[in-house]
Amino acid sequence: MAEEWTTAPASELTLAKLAELFTAGFAGYVIAMRMTAAALAERVCSEAIHLVSSRVVLRGTEPVGLGLISRRGRESRLAAMGVIPEARSRGAGRVLLSALLEEARARRDARMRLEVFEANTQARALYERSGFRLTMRLVGYELQQPRAAVEDLREVDPAEFARQLGKEEVGALPWQLEPASLSAPPSGARCFSLEEKCFAYVPVVSEQAISLRGLLTLRAHRRRGLASRMIGALAAEFPGRRISVPQLVPEGLGAAFFAARGFGAGALPLLELAFTFP
């Protein structure tokens, strides 16, 4: 007998319960993720996650899966979806995804986007069976031992990166790199300016690495070595740390730059998929 699944708004659960469900839903995932209520609250704010539009899937009264939805105008993003191990391959994920799409259609969204690890073939198959199609492959880069060079860096409001990016023509970007996404940076984010011509967006600095999510030289000042100088300046600002560019860069964008400066390919590329509503 087929199991019956129902869904409910994620807003009906506390942040603590949603964080617990998130952690359980990503157990055994390509990258295991542990979520706390505080970390989830940060993501809700910085990623424009709408908990009323987000859903949990239930077996009886027990939540067994979670789908988080970010919204911006007539477009939405499936920011995360996970089902606990005991409910996988039993239809819970399909029911959850179908409910999310139906609600997006009812609110007249034009498109829903998501990212999935290229290695996660099972999840990708579910999305593609539901009508999602590949829009771009996203890659990252790693520089293990960057060469430091002291520069006169100026730290600016992290939202400044989004303002500068919005003025440039850089082509199609994934949701997480669009100016509208970067304009609401997480609390720990930092942004650096070199001569007010080159900007670096650094959402996280750990003891081991600098996470470099954005590197932008204004169009009028390109091909003058400013981006290379910024890499050296960041290495001097945060000595002993590798520079990690998360796998959010559209394949081909900046590839020659990173290769010429010794960056290696990052692990686990992502795929951006999109569902377009008729």
C-alpha atoms as a PDB file:
ATOM      1  CA  MET A   1       0.000   0.000   0.000  1.00  0.00           C
ATOM      2  CA  ALA A   2       1.409   3.370  -1.009  1.00  0.00           C
ATOM      3  CA  GLU A   3       2.206   5.756   1.804  1.00  0.00           C
ATOM      4  CA  GLU A   4       0.226   8.955   2.084  1.00  0.00           C
ATOM      5  CA  TRP A   5       2.146  12.195   2.409  1.00  0.00           C
ATOM      6  CA  THR A   6       0.813  15.641   3.172  1.00  0.00           C
ATOM      7  CA  THR A   7       2.496  19.037   3.256  1.00  0.00           C
ATOM      8  CA  ALA A   8       2.230  22.096   5.490  1.00  0.00           C
ATOM      9  CA  PRO A   9       3.813  25.547   5.590  1.00  0.00           C
ATOM     10  CA  ALA A  10       7.249  25.522   7.193  1.00  0.00           C
ATOM     11  CA  SER A  11       6.130  28.544   9.226  1.00  0.00           C
ATOM     12  CA  GLU A  12       4.071  26.165  11.389  1.00  0.00           C
ATOM     13  CA  LEU A  13       7.284  24.762  12.903  1.00  0.00           C
ATOM     14  CA  THR A  14       9.726  26.573  15.175  1.00  0.00           C
ATOM     15  CA  LEU A  15      13.155  27.507  13.858  1.00  0.00           C
ATOM     16  CA  ALA A  16      14.661  24.937  16.230  1.00  0.00           C
ATOM     17  CA  LYS A  17      12.465  22.159  14.794  1.00  0.00           C
ATOM     18  CA  LEU A  18      13.146  23.270  11.213  1.00  0.00           C
ATOM     19  CA  ALA A  19      16.889  23.268  11.899  1.00  0.00           C
ATOM     20  CA  GLU A  20      16.649  19.759  13.325  1.00  0.00           C
ATOM     21  CA  LEU A  21      14.678  18.618  10.274  1.00  0.00           C
ATOM     22  CA  PHE A  22      17.186  20.291   7.944  1.00  0.00           C
ATOM     23  CA  THR A  23      20.075  18.432   9.576  1.00  0.00           C
ATOM     24  CA  ALA A  24      18.251  15.097   9.393  1.00  0.00           C
ATOM     25  CA  GLY A  25      17.179  15.752   5.792  1.00  0.00           C
ATOM     26  CA  PHE A  26      20.787  16.223   4.678  1.00  0.00           C
ATOM     27  CA  ALA A  27      22.213  13.236   6.552  1.00  0.00           C
ATOM     28  CA  GLY A  28      24.309  11.184   4.129  1.00  0.00           C
ATOM     29  CA  TYR A  29      24.102  13.941   1.516  1.00  0.00           C
ATOM     30  CA  VAL A  30      26.964  14.741  -0.863  1.00  0.00           C
ATOM     31  CA  ILE A  31      28.057  17.176   1.839  1.00  0.00           C
ATOM     32  CA  ALA A  32      26.503  16.563   5.252  1.00  0.00           C
ATOM     33  CA  MET A  33      25.174  19.792   6.744  1.00  0.00           C
ATOM     34  CA  ARG A  34      24.389  20.555  10.343  1.00  0.00           C
ATOM     35  CA  MET A  35      21.948  23.391  10.909  1.00  0.00           C
ATOM     36  CA  THR A  36      21.183  25.333  14.069  1.00  0.00           C
ATOM     37  CA  ALA A  37      18.265  27.635  14.769  1.00  0.00           C
ATOM     38  CA  ALA A  38      20.595  30.657  14.765  1.00  0.00           C
ATOM     39  CA  ALA A  39      22.222  29.658  11.456  1.00  0.00           C
ATOM     40  CA  LEU A  40      18.812  29.063   9.893  1.00  0.00           C
ATOM     41  CA  ALA A  41      17.597  32.477  11.071  1.00  0.00           C
ATOM     42  CA  GLU A  42      20.655  34.014   9.378  1.00  0.00           C
ATOM     43  CA  ARG A  43      19.858  32.197   6.132  1.00  0.00           C
ATOM     44  CA  VAL A  44      16.201  33.226   6.266  1.00  0.00           C
ATOM     45  CA  CYS A  45      17.262  36.880   6.438  1.00  0.00           C
ATOM     46  CA  SER A  46      20.202  36.883   4.014  1.00  0.00           C
ATOM     47  CA  GLU A  47      18.605  34.589   1.392  1.00  0.00           C
ATOM     48  CA  ALA A  48      15.083  36.070   1.467  1.00  0.00           C
ATOM     49  CA  ILE A  49      13.625  32.711   2.508  1.00  0.00           C
ATOM     50  CA  HIS A  50       9.851  32.890   2.844  1.00  0.00           C
ATOM     51  CA  LEU A  51       8.760  30.374   5.493  1.00  0.00           C
ATOM     52  CA  VAL A  52       5.080  30.628   4.590  1.00  0.00           C
ATOM     53  CA  SER A  53       5.913  29.607   1.001  1.00  0.00           C
ATOM     54  CA  SER A  54       8.371  26.967   2.207  1.00  0.00           C
ATOM     55  CA  ARG A  55       6.911  23.543   2.991  1.00  0.00           C
ATOM     56  CA  VAL A  56       7.440  20.498   5.150  1.00  0.00           C
ATOM     57  CA  VAL A  57       6.268  17.060   4.063  1.00  0.00           C
ATOM     58  CA  LEU A  58       4.549  14.960   6.717  1.00  0.00           C
ATOM     59  CA  ARG A  59       3.952  11.272   7.370  1.00  0.00           C
ATOM     60  CA  GLY A  60       0.896  11.528   9.595  1.00  0.00           C
ATOM     61  CA  THR A  61       1.862  14.339  11.930  1.00  0.00           C
ATOM     62  CA  GLU A  62       5.617  13.696  11.712  1.00  0.00           C
ATOM     63  CA  PRO A  63       7.678  16.079   9.545  1.00  0.00           C
ATOM     64  CA  VAL A  64      10.045  14.037   7.358  1.00  0.00           C
ATOM     65  CA  GLY A  65      11.260  16.573   4.796  1.00  0.00           C
ATOM     66  CA  LEU A  66      11.753  20.264   4.173  1.00  0.00           C
ATOM     67  CA  GLY A  67      11.770  22.561   1.143  1.00  0.00           C
ATOM     68  CA  LEU A  68      12.922  26.151   1.658  1.00  0.00           C
ATOM     69  CA  ILE A  69      11.754  28.778  -0.828  1.00  0.00           C
ATOM     70  CA  SER A  70      13.338  32.165  -1.513  1.00  0.00           C
ATOM     71  CA  ARG A  71      11.214  34.703  -3.365  1.00  0.00           C
ATOM     72  CA  ARG A  72      11.986  37.773  -5.429  1.00  0.00           C
ATOM     73  CA  GLY A  73       9.238  39.295  -7.514  1.00  0.00           C
ATOM     74  CA  ARG A  74       7.775  36.681  -9.847  1.00  0.00           C
ATOM     75  CA  GLU A  75      10.727  34.345  -9.438  1.00  0.00           C
ATOM     76  CA  SER A  76      11.530  31.877  -6.682  1.00  0.00           C
ATOM     77  CA  ARG A  77      14.417  29.640  -5.714  1.00  0.00           C
ATOM     78  CA  LEU A  78      14.370  26.259  -4.040  1.00  0.00           C
ATOM     79  CA  ALA A  79      17.092  27.183  -1.561  1.00  0.00           C
ATOM     80  CA  ALA A  80      17.267  23.721   0.029  1.00  0.00           C
ATOM     81  CA  MET A  81      15.316  20.473  -0.059  1.00  0.00           C
ATOM     82  CA  GLY A  82      15.993  17.392   2.027  1.00  0.00           C
ATOM     83  CA  VAL A  83      14.135  14.314   3.215  1.00  0.00           C
ATOM     84  CA  ILE A  84      15.147  12.190   6.220  1.00  0.00           C
ATOM     85  CA  PRO A  85      16.825   8.873   5.246  1.00  0.00           C
ATOM     86  CA  GLU A  86      13.890   6.692   6.344  1.00  0.00           C
ATOM     87  CA  ALA A  87      11.503   8.484   3.964  1.00  0.00           C
ATOM     88  CA  ARG A  88      13.726   8.641   0.885  1.00  0.00           C
ATOM     89  CA  SER A  89      12.815   6.817  -2.352  1.00  0.00           C
ATOM     90  CA  ARG A  90       9.253   6.417  -1.079  1.00  0.00           C
ATOM     91  CA  GLY A  91       7.609   9.385  -2.784  1.00  0.00           C
ATOM     92  CA  ALA A  92       7.993  12.029  -0.074  1.00  0.00           C
ATOM     93  CA  GLY A  93      10.401  14.163  -2.103  1.00  0.00           C
ATOM     94  CA  ARG A  94       8.217  14.000  -5.192  1.00  0.00           C
ATOM     95  CA  VAL A  95       5.139  15.085  -3.223  1.00  0.00           C
ATOM     96  CA  LEU A  96       7.052  17.920  -1.563  1.00  0.00           C
ATOM     97  CA  LEU A  97       8.447  19.225  -4.853  1.00  0.00           C
ATOM     98  CA  SER A  98       5.067  18.989  -6.543  1.00  0.00           C
ATOM     99  CA  ALA A  99       3.476  21.039  -3.756  1.00  0.00           C
ATOM    100  CA  LEU A 100       6.164  23.703  -4.017  1.00  0.00           C
ATOM    101  CA  LEU A 101       5.656  23.991  -7.768  1.00  0.00           C
ATOM    102  CA  GLU A 102       1.877  24.109  -7.493  1.00  0.00           C
ATOM    103  CA  GLU A 103       2.056  26.926  -4.947  1.00  0.00           C
ATOM    104  CA  ALA A 104       4.500  28.839  -7.135  1.00  0.00           C
ATOM    105  CA  ARG A 105       2.126  28.438 -10.065  1.00  0.00           C
ATOM    106  CA  ALA A 106      -0.799  29.643  -7.937  1.00  0.00           C
ATOM    107  CA  ARG A 107       1.064  32.832  -6.979  1.00  0.00           C
ATOM    108  CA  ARG A 108       1.870  33.325 -10.695  1.00  0.00           C
ATOM    109  CA  ASP A 109       5.621  32.876 -10.518  1.00  0.00           C
ATOM    110  CA  ALA A 110       7.342  32.937 -13.898  1.00  0.00           C
ATOM    111  CA  ARG A 111      10.243  30.689 -12.940  1.00  0.00           C
ATOM    112  CA  MET A 112      11.710  28.612 -10.113  1.00  0.00           C
ATOM    113  CA  ARG A 113      15.461  27.981  -9.895  1.00  0.00           C
ATOM    114  CA  LEU A 114      17.638  25.689  -7.805  1.00  0.00           C
ATOM    115  CA  GLU A 115      21.185  24.379  -7.528  1.00  0.00           C
ATOM    116  CA  VAL A 116      22.067  20.698  -7.238  1.00  0.00           C
ATOM    117  CA  PHE A 117      25.444  19.021  -6.954  1.00  0.00           C
ATOM    118  CA  GLU A 118      26.399  17.491 -10.286  1.00  0.00           C
ATOM    119  CA  ALA A 119      27.302  14.290  -8.418  1.00  0.00           C
ATOM    120  CA  ASN A 120      23.818  14.049  -6.887  1.00  0.00           C
ATOM    121  CA  THR A 121      22.295  12.159  -9.791  1.00  0.00           C
ATOM    122  CA  GLN A 122      19.271  10.965  -7.823  1.00  0.00           C
ATOM    123  CA  ALA A 123      18.145  14.476  -6.899  1.00  0.00           C
ATOM    124  CA  ARG A 124      18.854  15.763 -10.388  1.00  0.00           C
ATOM    125  CA  ALA A 125      16.709  12.988 -11.872  1.00  0.00           C
ATOM    126  CA  LEU A 126      13.807  13.982  -9.591  1.00  0.00           C
ATOM    127  CA  TYR A 127      14.069  17.624 -10.627  1.00  0.00           C
ATOM    128  CA  GLU A 128      14.320  16.847 -14.328  1.00  0.00           C
ATOM    129  CA  ARG A 129      11.353  14.453 -14.196  1.00  0.00           C
ATOM    130  CA  SER A 130       9.397  17.317 -12.647  1.00  0.00           C
ATOM    131  CA  GLY A 131      10.261  19.663 -15.532  1.00  0.00           C
ATOM    132  CA  PHE A 132      13.432  21.462 -14.428  1.00  0.00           C
ATOM    133  CA  ARG A 133      16.031  22.060 -17.132  1.00  0.00           C
ATOM    134  CA  LEU A 134      19.743  22.852 -16.977  1.00  0.00           C
ATOM    135  CA  THR A 135      20.614  26.547 -17.298  1.00  0.00           C
ATOM    136  CA  MET A 136      24.301  26.620 -16.311  1.00  0.00           C
ATOM    137  CA  ARG A 137      27.118  24.636 -14.721  1.00  0.00           C
ATOM    138  CA  LEU A 138      28.707  26.321 -11.717  1.00  0.00           C
ATOM    139  CA  VAL A 139      32.303  25.790 -10.656  1.00  0.00           C
ATOM    140  CA  GLY A 140      34.669  26.924  -7.904  1.00  0.00           C
ATOM    141  CA  TYR A 141      38.387  27.468  -7.504  1.00  0.00           C
ATOM    142  CA  GLU A 142      41.022  27.011  -4.783  1.00  0.00           C
ATOM    143  CA  LEU A 143      44.368  28.718  -4.229  1.00  0.00           C
ATOM    144  CA  GLN A 144      46.261  26.925  -1.504  1.00  0.00           C
ATOM    145  CA  GLN A 145      49.176  29.286  -0.953  1.00  0.00           C
ATOM    146  CA  PRO A 146      48.384  32.758  -2.292  1.00  0.00           C
ATOM    147  CA  ARG A 147      51.297  35.154  -2.613  1.00  0.00           C
ATOM    148  CA  ALA A 148      50.780  38.127  -0.299  1.00  0.00           C
ATOM    149  CA  ALA A 149      51.349  41.715  -1.423  1.00  0.00           C
ATOM    150  CA  VAL A 150      50.459  44.581   0.877  1.00  0.00           C
ATOM    151  CA  GLU A 151      48.107  47.129  -0.696  1.00  0.00           C
ATOM    152  CA  ASP A 152      46.097  50.061   0.584  1.00  0.00           C
ATOM    153  CA  LEU A 153      42.824  48.158   0.897  1.00  0.00           C
ATOM    154  CA  ARG A 154      39.757  49.994   2.095  1.00  0.00           C
ATOM    155  CA  GLU A 155      36.975  48.084   3.808  1.00  0.00           C
ATOM    156  CA  VAL A 156      33.510  49.179   2.692  1.00  0.00           C
ATOM    157  CA  ASP A 157      29.904  48.227   3.361  1.00  0.00           C
ATOM    158  CA  PRO A 158      29.407  44.655   2.025  1.00  0.00           C
ATOM    159  CA  ALA A 159      26.313  45.844   0.160  1.00  0.00           C
ATOM    160  CA  GLU A 160      28.617  48.093  -1.898  1.00  0.00           C
ATOM    161  CA  PHE A 161      29.641  45.058  -3.942  1.00  0.00           C
ATOM    162  CA  ALA A 162      26.042  44.555  -5.044  1.00  0.00           C
ATOM    163  CA  ARG A 163      25.714  48.224  -5.964  1.00  0.00           C
ATOM    164  CA  GLN A 164      28.845  48.118  -8.116  1.00  0.00           C
ATOM    165  CA  LEU A 165      27.914  44.792  -9.715  1.00  0.00           C
ATOM    166  CA  GLY A 166      24.499  46.153 -10.637  1.00  0.00           C
ATOM    167  CA  LYS A 167      26.171  48.840 -12.776  1.00  0.00           C
ATOM    168  CA  GLU A 168      28.222  46.350 -14.799  1.00  0.00           C
ATOM    169  CA  GLU A 169      27.286  44.036 -17.665  1.00  0.00           C
ATOM    170  CA  VAL A 170      28.549  40.644 -16.600  1.00  0.00           C
ATOM    171  CA  GLY A 171      26.075  38.298 -18.288  1.00  0.00           C
ATOM    172  CA  ALA A 172      23.858  35.636 -16.723  1.00  0.00           C
ATOM    173  CA  LEU A 173      24.593  34.838 -13.086  1.00  0.00           C
ATOM    174  CA  PRO A 174      23.155  32.256 -10.695  1.00  0.00           C
ATOM    175  CA  TRP A 175      20.614  33.469  -8.155  1.00  0.00           C
ATOM    176  CA  GLN A 176      23.168  33.664  -5.328  1.00  0.00           C
ATOM    177  CA  LEU A 177      25.483  35.997  -7.274  1.00  0.00           C
ATOM    178  CA  GLU A 178      22.864  38.370  -8.606  1.00  0.00           C
ATOM    179  CA  PRO A 179      23.046  41.920  -7.190  1.00  0.00           C
ATOM    180  CA  ALA A 180      19.645  41.530  -5.533  1.00  0.00           C
ATOM    181  CA  SER A 181      20.967  38.542  -3.561  1.00  0.00           C
ATOM    182  CA  LEU A 182      24.250  40.160  -2.577  1.00  0.00           C
ATOM    183  CA  SER A 183      22.518  43.341  -1.439  1.00  0.00           C
ATOM    184  CA  ALA A 184      21.451  41.575   1.780  1.00  0.00           C
ATOM    185  CA  PRO A 185      24.786  40.164   2.992  1.00  0.00           C
ATOM    186  CA  PRO A 186      25.067  37.905   6.051  1.00  0.00           C
ATOM    187  CA  SER A 187      26.217  39.501   9.287  1.00  0.00           C
ATOM    188  CA  GLY A 188      29.825  38.313   8.945  1.00  0.00           C
ATOM    189  CA  ALA A 189      30.308  39.421   5.326  1.00  0.00           C
ATOM    190  CA  ARG A 190      33.060  41.889   4.393  1.00  0.00           C
ATOM    191  CA  CYS A 191      33.871  43.869   1.265  1.00  0.00           C
ATOM    192  CA  PHE A 192      37.186  45.397   0.224  1.00  0.00           C
ATOM    193  CA  SER A 193      37.968  48.101  -2.308  1.00  0.00           C
ATOM    194  CA  LEU A 194      41.256  48.695  -4.117  1.00  0.00           C
ATOM    195  CA  GLU A 195      41.478  52.255  -5.441  1.00  0.00           C
ATOM    196  CA  GLU A 196      37.655  52.191  -5.677  1.00  0.00           C
ATOM    197  CA  LYS A 197      38.166  50.357  -8.975  1.00  0.00           C
ATOM    198  CA  CYS A 198      38.274  46.725  -7.859  1.00  0.00           C
ATOM    199  CA  PHE A 199      36.036  45.098  -5.246  1.00  0.00           C
ATOM    200  CA  ALA A 200      36.132  41.776  -3.380  1.00  0.00           C
ATOM    201  CA  TYR A 201      33.136  40.272  -1.568  1.00  0.00           C
ATOM    202  CA  VAL A 202      34.126  37.963   1.294  1.00  0.00           C
ATOM    203  CA  PRO A 203      31.140  36.367   3.070  1.00  0.00           C
ATOM    204  CA  VAL A 204      33.206  34.193   5.434  1.00  0.00           C
ATOM    205  CA  VAL A 205      36.726  34.191   6.855  1.00  0.00           C
ATOM    206  CA  SER A 206      37.778  31.123   8.841  1.00  0.00           C
ATOM    207  CA  GLU A 207      41.079  30.139  10.399  1.00  0.00           C
ATOM    208  CA  GLN A 208      41.871  28.139   7.264  1.00  0.00           C
ATOM    209  CA  ALA A 209      40.352  30.011   4.342  1.00  0.00           C
ATOM    210  CA  ILE A 210      38.972  33.185   2.828  1.00  0.00           C
ATOM    211  CA  SER A 211      35.726  32.578   0.991  1.00  0.00           C
ATOM    212  CA  LEU A 212      35.780  34.849  -2.066  1.00  0.00           C
ATOM    213  CA  ARG A 213      32.289  34.981  -3.517  1.00  0.00           C
ATOM    214  CA  GLY A 214      32.787  38.002  -5.736  1.00  0.00           C
ATOM    215  CA  LEU A 215      35.708  39.719  -7.471  1.00  0.00           C
ATOM    216  CA  LEU A 216      34.853  42.705  -9.661  1.00  0.00           C
ATOM    217  CA  THR A 217      36.985  45.202 -11.529  1.00  0.00           C
ATOM    218  CA  LEU A 218      34.953  48.059 -12.953  1.00  0.00           C
ATOM    219  CA  ARG A 219      34.819  47.910 -16.737  1.00  0.00           C
ATOM    220  CA  ALA A 220      36.746  51.145 -17.324  1.00  0.00           C
ATOM    221  CA  HIS A 221      39.703  49.849 -15.284  1.00  0.00           C
ATOM    222  CA  ARG A 222      40.062  46.266 -16.487  1.00  0.00           C
ATOM    223  CA  ARG A 223      43.229  44.685 -17.889  1.00  0.00           C
ATOM    224  CA  ARG A 224      45.437  46.722 -15.565  1.00  0.00           C
ATOM    225  CA  GLY A 225      46.220  44.015 -13.033  1.00  0.00           C
ATOM    226  CA  LEU A 226      43.862  45.257 -10.340  1.00  0.00           C
ATOM    227  CA  ALA A 227      42.181  41.887  -9.745  1.00  0.00           C
ATOM    228  CA  SER A 228      45.574  40.195  -9.394  1.00  0.00           C
ATOM    229  CA  ARG A 229      46.633  42.845  -6.915  1.00  0.00           C
ATOM    230  CA  MET A 230      43.405  42.279  -4.978  1.00  0.00           C
ATOM    231  CA  ILE A 231      44.218  38.573  -4.627  1.00  0.00           C
ATOM    232  CA  GLY A 232      47.638  39.431  -3.212  1.00  0.00           C
ATOM    233  CA  ALA A 233      46.133  42.085  -0.939  1.00  0.00           C
ATOM    234  CA  LEU A 234      43.616  39.623   0.509  1.00  0.00           C
ATOM    235  CA  ALA A 235      46.449  37.160   1.149  1.00  0.00           C
ATOM    236  CA  ALA A 236      48.286  39.886   3.049  1.00  0.00           C
ATOM    237  CA  GLU A 237      45.160  40.927   4.954  1.00  0.00           C
ATOM    238  CA  PHE A 238      44.469  37.318   6.019  1.00  0.00           C
ATOM    239  CA  PRO A 239      47.888  35.613   6.126  1.00  0.00           C
ATOM    240  CA  GLY A 240      48.250  31.843   6.110  1.00  0.00           C
ATOM    241  CA  ARG A 241      44.814  31.193   4.645  1.00  0.00           C
ATOM    242  CA  ARG A 242      43.928  29.656   1.311  1.00  0.00           C
ATOM    243  CA  ILE A 243      41.502  31.475  -0.969  1.00  0.00           C
ATOM    244  CA  SER A 244      38.379  29.505  -1.795  1.00  0.00           C
ATOM    245  CA  VAL A 245      35.966  30.579  -4.523  1.00  0.00           C
ATOM    246  CA  PRO A 246      32.678  28.700  -3.933  1.00  0.00           C
ATOM    247  CA  GLN A 247      31.154  26.744  -6.784  1.00  0.00           C
ATOM    248  CA  LEU A 248      28.854  29.561  -7.904  1.00  0.00           C
ATOM    249  CA  VAL A 249      30.879  30.816 -10.884  1.00  0.00           C
ATOM    250  CA  PRO A 250      29.310  30.097 -14.303  1.00  0.00           C
ATOM    251  CA  GLU A 251      31.631  27.718 -16.114  1.00  0.00           C
ATOM    252  CA  GLY A 252      34.007  29.707 -18.315  1.00  0.00           C
ATOM    253  CA  LEU A 253      33.541  33.038 -16.522  1.00  0.00           C
ATOM    254  CA  GLY A 254      36.979  34.072 -15.264  1.00  0.00           C
ATOM    255  CA  ALA A 255      38.458  30.633 -15.949  1.00  0.00           C
ATOM    256  CA  ALA A 256      41.574  31.988 -17.691  1.00  0.00           C
ATOM    257  CA  PHE A 257      42.146  34.525 -14.902  1.00  0.00           C
ATOM    258  CA  PHE A 258      42.016  31.921 -12.142  1.00  0.00           C
ATOM    259  CA  ALA A 259      44.187  29.423 -14.037  1.00  0.00           C
ATOM    260  CA  ALA A 260      46.852  32.055 -14.761  1.00  0.00           C
ATOM    261  CA  ARG A 261      47.104  32.887 -11.069  1.00  0.00           C
ATOM    262  CA  GLY A 262      47.517  29.334  -9.876  1.00  0.00           C
ATOM    263  CA  PHE A 263      44.002  28.502  -8.773  1.00  0.00           C
ATOM    264  CA  GLY A 264      43.000  24.877  -9.097  1.00  0.00           C
ATOM    265  CA  ALA A 265      39.517  23.582  -9.833  1.00  0.00           C
ATOM    266  CA  GLY A 266      37.294  23.296  -6.789  1.00  0.00           C
ATOM    267  CA  ALA A 267      35.503  20.103  -5.886  1.00  0.00           C
ATOM    268  CA  LEU A 268      31.852  19.212  -6.502  1.00  0.00           C
ATOM    269  CA  PRO A 269      30.511  21.458  -9.271  1.00  0.00           C
ATOM    270  CA  LEU A 270      26.899  22.560  -9.067  1.00  0.00           C
ATOM    271  CA  LEU A 271      24.223  22.682 -11.732  1.00  0.00           C
ATOM    272  CA  GLU A 272      21.631  25.428 -11.838  1.00  0.00           C
ATOM    273  CA  LEU A 273      18.272  24.124 -13.034  1.00  0.00           C
ATOM    274  CA  ALA A 274      15.140  26.133 -13.756  1.00  0.00           C
ATOM    275  CA  PHE A 275      11.436  25.381 -14.113  1.00  0.00           C
ATOM    276  CA  THR A 276       9.609  27.841 -16.376  1.00  0.00           C
ATOM    277  CA  PHE A 277       5.876  28.110 -15.812  1.00  0.00           C
ATOM    278  CA  PRO A 278       3.723  28.183 -18.935  1.00  0.00           C
END
